[in-house]
Amino acid sequence: MAEQLMLRKYAQDYLRSIGVKRAEDFQPHEQSWTNLAKARRNARAEINKLVDATTDGVDAKRAAEHEQAADALIEIIDSISEEMDYRDELG
């Protein structure tokens, strides 16, 4: 639950870009291949932003929040990759 809150706090623009308010609302099986690839690419970019924002000067609480948001993004990437792999298997 905390991961989802941090995702909404730090990656709200990303959630809007995939058309959801909460990560659990994202349904990869309903997306086109192009949208899946774009969502996965943008999620990776969001993770990179979070990593870049987590510098040595950031306090431990903020760093933990960034990590939780990144973990939630990784879950989205995993679900997208799983759907894309499934479609690849089908041909």
PDB file of N, CA and C in Angstrom:
ATOM      1  N   MET A   1       0.823  -1.200   0.000  1.00  0.00           N
ATOM      2  CA  MET A   1       0.000   0.000   0.000  1.00  0.00           C
ATOM      3  C   MET A   1       0.866   1.262   0.000  1.00  0.00           C
ATOM      4  N   ALA A   2       1.933   1.237   0.804  1.00  0.00           N
ATOM      5  CA  ALA A   2       2.810   2.403   0.869  1.00  0.00           C
ATOM      6  C   ALA A   2       3.472   2.660  -0.486  1.00  0.00           C
ATOM      7  N   GLU A   3       3.798   1.571  -1.188  1.00  0.00           N
ATOM      8  CA  GLU A   3       4.407   1.730  -2.513  1.00  0.00           C
ATOM      9  C   GLU A   3       3.464   2.482  -3.445  1.00  0.00           C
ATOM     10  N   GLN A   4       2.187   2.132  -3.388  1.00  0.00           N
ATOM     11  CA  GLN A   4       1.208   2.777  -4.263  1.00  0.00           C
ATOM     12  C   GLN A   4       1.049   4.263  -3.929  1.00  0.00           C
ATOM     13  N   LEU A   5       1.087   4.583  -2.633  1.00  0.00           N
ATOM     14  CA  LEU A   5       1.000   5.987  -2.233  1.00  0.00           C
ATOM     15  C   LEU A   5       2.204   6.775  -2.724  1.00  0.00           C
ATOM     16  N   MET A   6       3.379   6.173  -2.613  1.00  0.00           N
ATOM     17  CA  MET A   6       4.595   6.851  -3.069  1.00  0.00           C
ATOM     18  C   MET A   6       4.600   6.975  -4.591  1.00  0.00           C
ATOM     19  N   LEU A   7       4.044   5.996  -5.266  1.00  0.00           N
ATOM     20  CA  LEU A   7       3.929   6.078  -6.720  1.00  0.00           C
ATOM     21  C   LEU A   7       3.046   7.256  -7.104  1.00  0.00           C
ATOM     22  N   ARG A   8       1.923   7.397  -6.420  1.00  0.00           N
ATOM     23  CA  ARG A   8       1.035   8.524  -6.706  1.00  0.00           C
ATOM     24  C   ARG A   8       1.701   9.854  -6.366  1.00  0.00           C
ATOM     25  N   LYS A   9       2.524   9.856  -5.327  1.00  0.00           N
ATOM     26  CA  LYS A   9       3.188  11.089  -4.908  1.00  0.00           C
ATOM     27  C   LYS A   9       4.285  11.502  -5.893  1.00  0.00           C
ATOM     28  N   TYR A  10       5.085  10.549  -6.346  1.00  0.00           N
ATOM     29  CA  TYR A  10       6.262  10.886  -7.145  1.00  0.00           C
ATOM     30  C   TYR A  10       6.128  10.615  -8.646  1.00  0.00           C
ATOM     31  N   ALA A  11       5.133   9.858  -9.047  1.00  0.00           N
ATOM     32  CA  ALA A  11       5.011   9.532 -10.479  1.00  0.00           C
ATOM     33  C   ALA A  11       3.572   9.693 -10.965  1.00  0.00           C
ATOM     34  N   GLN A  12       2.915  10.711 -10.456  1.00  0.00           N
ATOM     35  CA  GLN A  12       1.527  10.933 -10.841  1.00  0.00           C
ATOM     36  C   GLN A  12       1.381  11.220 -12.339  1.00  0.00           C
ATOM     37  N   ASP A  13       2.326  11.932 -12.902  1.00  0.00           N
ATOM     38  CA  ASP A  13       2.269  12.208 -14.346  1.00  0.00           C
ATOM     39  C   ASP A  13       2.345  10.909 -15.144  1.00  0.00           C
ATOM     40  N   TYR A  14       3.172   9.985 -14.670  1.00  0.00           N
ATOM     41  CA  TYR A  14       3.259   8.693 -15.353  1.00  0.00           C
ATOM     42  C   TYR A  14       1.925   7.965 -15.286  1.00  0.00           C
ATOM     43  N   LEU A  15       1.319   7.937 -14.114  1.00  0.00           N
ATOM     44  CA  LEU A  15       0.016   7.264 -13.979  1.00  0.00           C
ATOM     45  C   LEU A  15      -1.008   7.885 -14.926  1.00  0.00           C
ATOM     46  N   ARG A  16      -0.996   9.216 -15.019  1.00  0.00           N
ATOM     47  CA  ARG A  16      -1.917   9.879 -15.948  1.00  0.00           C
ATOM     48  C   ARG A  16      -1.628   9.471 -17.391  1.00  0.00           C
ATOM     49  N   SER A  17      -0.341   9.320 -17.703  1.00  0.00           N
ATOM     50  CA  SER A  17       0.035   8.989 -19.085  1.00  0.00           C
ATOM     51  C   SER A  17      -0.458   7.596 -19.489  1.00  0.00           C
ATOM     52  N   ILE A  18      -0.627   6.701 -18.508  1.00  0.00           N
ATOM     53  CA  ILE A  18      -1.154   5.371 -18.835  1.00  0.00           C
ATOM     54  C   ILE A  18      -2.655   5.287 -18.567  1.00  0.00           C
ATOM     55  N   GLY A  19      -3.249   6.415 -18.192  1.00  0.00           N
ATOM     56  CA  GLY A  19      -4.703   6.514 -18.086  1.00  0.00           C
ATOM     57  C   GLY A  19      -5.321   5.944 -16.826  1.00  0.00           C
ATOM     58  N   VAL A  20      -4.576   5.949 -15.712  1.00  0.00           N
ATOM     59  CA  VAL A  20      -5.112   5.423 -14.453  1.00  0.00           C
ATOM     60  C   VAL A  20      -4.775   6.360 -13.297  1.00  0.00           C
ATOM     61  N   LYS A  21      -5.541   6.214 -12.220  1.00  0.00           N
ATOM     62  CA  LYS A  21      -5.244   6.959 -11.003  1.00  0.00           C
ATOM     63  C   LYS A  21      -4.401   6.135 -10.039  1.00  0.00           C
ATOM     64  N   ARG A  22      -4.555   4.812 -10.120  1.00  0.00           N
ATOM     65  CA  ARG A  22      -3.813   3.890  -9.257  1.00  0.00           C
ATOM     66  C   ARG A  22      -3.185   2.817 -10.131  1.00  0.00           C
ATOM     67  N   ALA A  23      -2.028   2.346  -9.736  1.00  0.00           N
ATOM     68  CA  ALA A  23      -1.309   1.350 -10.537  1.00  0.00           C
ATOM     69  C   ALA A  23      -2.127   0.080 -10.722  1.00  0.00           C
ATOM     70  N   GLU A  24      -2.863  -0.321  -9.702  1.00  0.00           N
ATOM     71  CA  GLU A  24      -3.643  -1.555  -9.811  1.00  0.00           C
ATOM     72  C   GLU A  24      -4.795  -1.445 -10.812  1.00  0.00           C
ATOM     73  N   ASP A  25      -5.111  -0.234 -11.256  1.00  0.00           N
ATOM     74  CA  ASP A  25      -6.144  -0.050 -12.272  1.00  0.00           C
ATOM     75  C   ASP A  25      -5.624  -0.297 -13.684  1.00  0.00           C
ATOM     76  N   PHE A  26      -4.314  -0.353 -13.840  1.00  0.00           N
ATOM     77  CA  PHE A  26      -3.725  -0.562 -15.166  1.00  0.00           C
ATOM     78  C   PHE A  26      -3.928  -2.012 -15.583  1.00  0.00           C
ATOM     79  N   GLN A  27      -4.509  -2.202 -16.739  1.00  0.00           N
ATOM     80  CA  GLN A  27      -4.811  -3.534 -17.269  1.00  0.00           C
ATOM     81  C   GLN A  27      -3.999  -3.753 -18.547  1.00  0.00           C
ATOM     82  N   PRO A  28      -2.839  -4.392 -18.452  1.00  0.00           N
ATOM     83  CA  PRO A  28      -1.990  -4.569 -19.638  1.00  0.00           C
ATOM     84  C   PRO A  28      -2.686  -5.317 -20.772  1.00  0.00           C
ATOM     85  N   HIS A  29      -3.546  -6.272 -20.439  1.00  0.00           N
ATOM     86  CA  HIS A  29      -4.191  -7.064 -21.492  1.00  0.00           C
ATOM     87  C   HIS A  29      -5.151  -6.245 -22.337  1.00  0.00           C
ATOM     88  N   GLU A  30      -5.527  -5.065 -21.872  1.00  0.00           N
ATOM     89  CA  GLU A  30      -6.433  -4.202 -22.621  1.00  0.00           C
ATOM     90  C   GLU A  30      -5.692  -3.199 -23.501  1.00  0.00           C
ATOM     91  N   GLN A  31      -4.370  -3.198 -23.433  1.00  0.00           N
ATOM     92  CA  GLN A  31      -3.570  -2.206 -24.145  1.00  0.00           C
ATOM     93  C   GLN A  31      -3.030  -2.766 -25.456  1.00  0.00           C
ATOM     94  N   SER A  32      -2.802  -1.861 -26.388  1.00  0.00           N
ATOM     95  CA  SER A  32      -2.166  -2.268 -27.638  1.00  0.00           C
ATOM     96  C   SER A  32      -0.678  -2.492 -27.385  1.00  0.00           C
ATOM     97  N   TRP A  33      -0.042  -3.181 -28.310  1.00  0.00           N
ATOM     98  CA  TRP A  33       1.390  -3.450 -28.196  1.00  0.00           C
ATOM     99  C   TRP A  33       2.163  -2.135 -28.099  1.00  0.00           C
ATOM    100  N   THR A  34       1.798  -1.177 -28.914  1.00  0.00           N
ATOM    101  CA  THR A  34       2.466   0.122 -28.922  1.00  0.00           C
ATOM    102  C   THR A  34       2.332   0.815 -27.574  1.00  0.00           C
ATOM    103  N   ASN A  35       1.129   0.792 -27.007  1.00  0.00           N
ATOM    104  CA  ASN A  35       0.916   1.429 -25.707  1.00  0.00           C
ATOM    105  C   ASN A  35       1.685   0.714 -24.601  1.00  0.00           C
ATOM    106  N   LEU A  36       1.779  -0.610 -24.696  1.00  0.00           N
ATOM    107  CA  LEU A  36       2.549  -1.355 -23.703  1.00  0.00           C
ATOM    108  C   LEU A  36       4.023  -0.979 -23.771  1.00  0.00           C
ATOM    109  N   ALA A  37       4.561  -0.927 -24.977  1.00  0.00           N
ATOM    110  CA  ALA A  37       5.973  -0.574 -25.143  1.00  0.00           C
ATOM    111  C   ALA A  37       6.243   0.840 -24.634  1.00  0.00           C
ATOM    112  N   LYS A  38       5.334   1.746 -24.924  1.00  0.00           N
ATOM    113  CA  LYS A  38       5.487   3.128 -24.473  1.00  0.00           C
ATOM    114  C   LYS A  38       5.394   3.207 -22.947  1.00  0.00           C
ATOM    115  N   ALA A  39       4.439   2.510 -22.358  1.00  0.00           N
ATOM    116  CA  ALA A  39       4.269   2.523 -20.907  1.00  0.00           C
ATOM    117  C   ALA A  39       5.501   1.942 -20.211  1.00  0.00           C
ATOM    118  N   ARG A  40       6.051   0.879 -20.772  1.00  0.00           N
ATOM    119  CA  ARG A  40       7.240   0.263 -20.178  1.00  0.00           C
ATOM    120  C   ARG A  40       8.441   1.201 -20.286  1.00  0.00           C
ATOM    121  N   ARG A  41       8.615   1.810 -21.441  1.00  0.00           N
ATOM    122  CA  ARG A  41       9.727   2.747 -21.644  1.00  0.00           C
ATOM    123  C   ARG A  41       9.607   3.949 -20.692  1.00  0.00           C
ATOM    124  N   ASN A  42       8.393   4.485 -20.561  1.00  0.00           N
ATOM    125  CA  ASN A  42       8.189   5.643 -19.692  1.00  0.00           C
ATOM    126  C   ASN A  42       8.351   5.276 -18.215  1.00  0.00           C
ATOM    127  N   ALA A  43       7.965   4.060 -17.838  1.00  0.00           N
ATOM    128  CA  ALA A  43       8.159   3.618 -16.449  1.00  0.00           C
ATOM    129  C   ALA A  43       9.645   3.545 -16.134  1.00  0.00           C
ATOM    130  N   ARG A  44      10.420   3.040 -17.065  1.00  0.00           N
ATOM    131  CA  ARG A  44      11.876   2.984 -16.857  1.00  0.00           C
ATOM    132  C   ARG A  44      12.461   4.386 -16.724  1.00  0.00           C
ATOM    133  N   ALA A  45      11.943   5.315 -17.516  1.00  0.00           N
ATOM    134  CA  ALA A  45      12.407   6.703 -17.427  1.00  0.00           C
ATOM    135  C   ALA A  45      12.050   7.311 -16.069  1.00  0.00           C
ATOM    136  N   GLU A  46      10.867   6.990 -15.568  1.00  0.00           N
ATOM    137  CA  GLU A  46      10.464   7.480 -14.245  1.00  0.00           C
ATOM    138  C   GLU A  46      11.377   6.929 -13.156  1.00  0.00           C
ATOM    139  N   ILE A  47      11.734   5.664 -13.268  1.00  0.00           N
ATOM    140  CA  ILE A  47      12.660   5.078 -12.294  1.00  0.00           C
ATOM    141  C   ILE A  47      13.995   5.814 -12.345  1.00  0.00           C
ATOM    142  N   ASN A  48      14.472   6.099 -13.542  1.00  0.00           N
ATOM    143  CA  ASN A  48      15.732   6.837 -13.675  1.00  0.00           C
ATOM    144  C   ASN A  48      15.644   8.215 -13.022  1.00  0.00           C
ATOM    145  N   LYS A  49      14.495   8.885 -13.163  1.00  0.00           N
ATOM    146  CA  LYS A  49      14.307  10.191 -12.520  1.00  0.00           C
ATOM    147  C   LYS A  49      14.368  10.064 -11.005  1.00  0.00           C
ATOM    148  N   LEU A  50      13.725   9.022 -10.492  1.00  0.00           N
ATOM    149  CA  LEU A  50      13.743   8.812  -9.039  1.00  0.00           C
ATOM    150  C   LEU A  50      15.157   8.535  -8.541  1.00  0.00           C
ATOM    151  N   VAL A  51      15.894   7.730  -9.285  1.00  0.00           N
ATOM    152  CA  VAL A  51      17.275   7.433  -8.904  1.00  0.00           C
ATOM    153  C   VAL A  51      18.107   8.707  -8.940  1.00  0.00           C
ATOM    154  N   ASP A  52      17.931   9.513  -9.977  1.00  0.00           N
ATOM    155  CA  ASP A  52      18.685  10.764 -10.086  1.00  0.00           C
ATOM    156  C   ASP A  52      18.337  11.730  -8.952  1.00  0.00           C
ATOM    157  N   ALA A  53      17.072  11.697  -8.518  1.00  0.00           N
ATOM    158  CA  ALA A  53      16.635  12.588  -7.439  1.00  0.00           C
ATOM    159  C   ALA A  53      17.116  12.121  -6.074  1.00  0.00           C
ATOM    160  N   THR A  54      17.564  10.886  -5.995  1.00  0.00           N
ATOM    161  CA  THR A  54      18.040  10.330  -4.732  1.00  0.00           C
ATOM    162  C   THR A  54      19.553  10.492  -4.676  1.00  0.00           C
ATOM    163  N   THR A  55      19.973  11.664  -4.294  1.00  0.00           N
ATOM    164  CA  THR A  55      21.402  11.964  -4.200  1.00  0.00           C
ATOM    165  C   THR A  55      21.873  11.772  -2.763  1.00  0.00           C
ATOM    166  N   ASP A  56      23.152  11.954  -2.551  1.00  0.00           N
ATOM    167  CA  ASP A  56      23.717  11.791  -1.211  1.00  0.00           C
ATOM    168  C   ASP A  56      23.104  12.756  -0.205  1.00  0.00           C
ATOM    169  N   GLY A  57      22.645  13.911  -0.647  1.00  0.00           N
ATOM    170  CA  GLY A  57      22.091  14.910   0.255  1.00  0.00           C
ATOM    171  C   GLY A  57      20.649  14.676   0.659  1.00  0.00           C
ATOM    172  N   VAL A  58      19.997  13.684   0.074  1.00  0.00           N
ATOM    173  CA  VAL A  58      18.593  13.416   0.367  1.00  0.00           C
ATOM    174  C   VAL A  58      18.487  12.660   1.688  1.00  0.00           C
ATOM    175  N   ASP A  59      17.515  13.070   2.508  1.00  0.00           N
ATOM    176  CA  ASP A  59      17.363  12.381   3.790  1.00  0.00           C
ATOM    177  C   ASP A  59      16.838  10.955   3.590  1.00  0.00           C
ATOM    178  N   ALA A  60      16.996  10.153   4.603  1.00  0.00           N
ATOM    179  CA  ALA A  60      16.670   8.725   4.512  1.00  0.00           C
ATOM    180  C   ALA A  60      15.189   8.494   4.224  1.00  0.00           C
ATOM    181  N   LYS A  61      14.331   9.332   4.779  1.00  0.00           N
ATOM    182  CA  LYS A  61      12.884   9.170   4.559  1.00  0.00           C
ATOM    183  C   LYS A  61      12.541   9.370   3.085  1.00  0.00           C
ATOM    184  N   ARG A  62      13.078  10.426   2.508  1.00  0.00           N
ATOM    185  CA  ARG A  62      12.804  10.711   1.091  1.00  0.00           C
ATOM    186  C   ARG A  62      13.384   9.620   0.209  1.00  0.00           C
ATOM    187  N   ALA A  63      14.571   9.143   0.522  1.00  0.00           N
ATOM    188  CA  ALA A  63      15.190   8.065  -0.248  1.00  0.00           C
ATOM    189  C   ALA A  63      14.342   6.802  -0.185  1.00  0.00           C
ATOM    190  N   ALA A  64      13.789   6.504   0.983  1.00  0.00           N
ATOM    191  CA  ALA A  64      12.922   5.335   1.134  1.00  0.00           C
ATOM    192  C   ALA A  64      11.645   5.500   0.326  1.00  0.00           C
ATOM    193  N   GLU A  65      11.105   6.710   0.291  1.00  0.00           N
ATOM    194  CA  GLU A  65       9.906   6.978  -0.514  1.00  0.00           C
ATOM    195  C   GLU A  65      10.198   6.769  -1.996  1.00  0.00           C
ATOM    196  N   HIS A  66      11.347   7.256  -2.448  1.00  0.00           N
ATOM    197  CA  HIS A  66      11.735   7.071  -3.853  1.00  0.00           C
ATOM    198  C   HIS A  66      11.862   5.587  -4.176  1.00  0.00           C
ATOM    199  N   GLU A  67      12.452   4.847  -3.249  1.00  0.00           N
ATOM    200  CA  GLU A  67      12.615   3.412  -3.455  1.00  0.00           C
ATOM    201  C   GLU A  67      11.258   2.707  -3.541  1.00  0.00           C
ATOM    202  N   GLN A  68      10.316   3.103  -2.704  1.00  0.00           N
ATOM    203  CA  GLN A  68       8.988   2.497  -2.741  1.00  0.00           C
ATOM    204  C   GLN A  68       8.278   2.811  -4.058  1.00  0.00           C
ATOM    205  N   ALA A  69       8.407   4.050  -4.528  1.00  0.00           N
ATOM    206  CA  ALA A  69       7.799   4.414  -5.804  1.00  0.00           C
ATOM    207  C   ALA A  69       8.447   3.623  -6.942  1.00  0.00           C
ATOM    208  N   ALA A  70       9.751   3.479  -6.895  1.00  0.00           N
ATOM    209  CA  ALA A  70      10.460   2.710  -7.928  1.00  0.00           C
ATOM    210  C   ALA A  70      10.023   1.249  -7.894  1.00  0.00           C
ATOM    211  N   ASP A  71       9.830   0.698  -6.711  1.00  0.00           N
ATOM    212  CA  ASP A  71       9.361  -0.691  -6.599  1.00  0.00           C
ATOM    213  C   ASP A  71       7.988  -0.861  -7.244  1.00  0.00           C
ATOM    214  N   ALA A  72       7.113   0.112  -7.039  1.00  0.00           N
ATOM    215  CA  ALA A  72       5.782   0.048  -7.650  1.00  0.00           C
ATOM    216  C   ALA A  72       5.884   0.138  -9.177  1.00  0.00           C
ATOM    217  N   LEU A  73       6.790   0.964  -9.662  1.00  0.00           N
ATOM    218  CA  LEU A  73       7.001   1.064 -11.108  1.00  0.00           C
ATOM    219  C   LEU A  73       7.552  -0.247 -11.662  1.00  0.00           C
ATOM    220  N   ILE A  74       8.419  -0.894 -10.912  1.00  0.00           N
ATOM    221  CA  ILE A  74       8.958  -2.181 -11.353  1.00  0.00           C
ATOM    222  C   ILE A  74       7.840  -3.213 -11.457  1.00  0.00           C
ATOM    223  N   GLU A  75       6.888  -3.167 -10.548  1.00  0.00           N
ATOM    224  CA  GLU A  75       5.748  -4.079 -10.628  1.00  0.00           C
ATOM    225  C   GLU A  75       4.952  -3.846 -11.913  1.00  0.00           C
ATOM    226  N   ILE A  76       4.789  -2.579 -12.288  1.00  0.00           N
ATOM    227  CA  ILE A  76       4.087  -2.267 -13.538  1.00  0.00           C
ATOM    228  C   ILE A  76       4.894  -2.788 -14.724  1.00  0.00           C
ATOM    229  N   ILE A  77       6.191  -2.544 -14.719  1.00  0.00           N
ATOM    230  CA  ILE A  77       7.050  -3.028 -15.805  1.00  0.00           C
ATOM    231  C   ILE A  77       6.952  -4.550 -15.912  1.00  0.00           C
ATOM    232  N   ASP A  78       6.964  -5.227 -14.774  1.00  0.00           N
ATOM    233  CA  ASP A  78       6.874  -6.689 -14.785  1.00  0.00           C
ATOM    234  C   ASP A  78       5.551  -7.161 -15.383  1.00  0.00           C
ATOM    235  N   SER A  79       4.458  -6.491 -15.033  1.00  0.00           N
ATOM    236  CA  SER A  79       3.163  -6.908 -15.586  1.00  0.00           C
ATOM    237  C   SER A  79       3.098  -6.638 -17.086  1.00  0.00           C
ATOM    238  N   ILE A  80       3.687  -5.542 -17.526  1.00  0.00           N
ATOM    239  CA  ILE A  80       3.730  -5.236 -18.961  1.00  0.00           C
ATOM    240  C   ILE A  80       4.580  -6.272 -19.687  1.00  0.00           C
ATOM    241  N   SER A  81       5.744  -6.569 -19.138  1.00  0.00           N
ATOM    242  CA  SER A  81       6.634  -7.548 -19.773  1.00  0.00           C
ATOM    243  C   SER A  81       5.985  -8.923 -19.839  1.00  0.00           C
ATOM    244  N   GLU A  82       5.283  -9.278 -18.790  1.00  0.00           N
ATOM    245  CA  GLU A  82       4.578 -10.565 -18.778  1.00  0.00           C
ATOM    246  C   GLU A  82       3.531 -10.624 -19.891  1.00  0.00           C
ATOM    247  N   GLU A  83       2.785  -9.543 -20.060  1.00  0.00           N
ATOM    248  CA  GLU A  83       1.770  -9.494 -21.121  1.00  0.00           C
ATOM    249  C   GLU A  83       2.425  -9.541 -22.505  1.00  0.00           C
ATOM    250  N   MET A  84       3.516  -8.820 -22.673  1.00  0.00           N
ATOM    251  CA  MET A  84       4.188  -8.806 -23.969  1.00  0.00           C
ATOM    252  C   MET A  84       4.783 -10.181 -24.279  1.00  0.00           C
ATOM    253  N   ASP A  85       5.344 -10.840 -23.275  1.00  0.00           N
ATOM    254  CA  ASP A  85       5.882 -12.192 -23.473  1.00  0.00           C
ATOM    255  C   ASP A  85       4.770 -13.165 -23.852  1.00  0.00           C
ATOM    256  N   TYR A  86       3.634 -13.032 -23.203  1.00  0.00           N
ATOM    257  CA  TYR A  86       2.478 -13.885 -23.494  1.00  0.00           C
ATOM    258  C   TYR A  86       2.050 -13.706 -24.955  1.00  0.00           C
ATOM    259  N   ARG A  87       1.988 -12.458 -25.392  1.00  0.00           N
ATOM    260  CA  ARG A  87       1.594 -12.195 -26.786  1.00  0.00           C
ATOM    261  C   ARG A  87       2.629 -12.717 -27.762  1.00  0.00           C
ATOM    262  N   ASP A  88       3.897 -12.625 -27.399  1.00  0.00           N
ATOM    263  CA  ASP A  88       4.958 -13.177 -28.258  1.00  0.00           C
ATOM    264  C   ASP A  88       4.795 -14.676 -28.420  1.00  0.00           C
ATOM    265  N   GLU A  89       4.442 -15.363 -27.325  1.00  0.00           N
ATOM    266  CA  GLU A  89       4.252 -16.805 -27.386  1.00  0.00           C
ATOM    267  C   GLU A  89       3.093 -17.190 -28.287  1.00  0.00           C
ATOM    268  N   LEU A  90       2.058 -16.349 -28.278  1.00  0.00           N
ATOM    269  CA  LEU A  90       0.896 -16.631 -29.125  1.00  0.00           C
ATOM    270  C   LEU A  90       1.198 -16.403 -30.600  1.00  0.00           C
ATOM    271  N   GLY A  91       2.164 -15.548 -30.855  1.00  0.00           N
ATOM    272  CA  GLY A  91       2.555 -15.293 -32.233  1.00  0.00           C
ATOM    273  C   GLY A  91       1.971 -14.095 -32.781  1.00  0.00           C
TER     274      GLY A  91
END
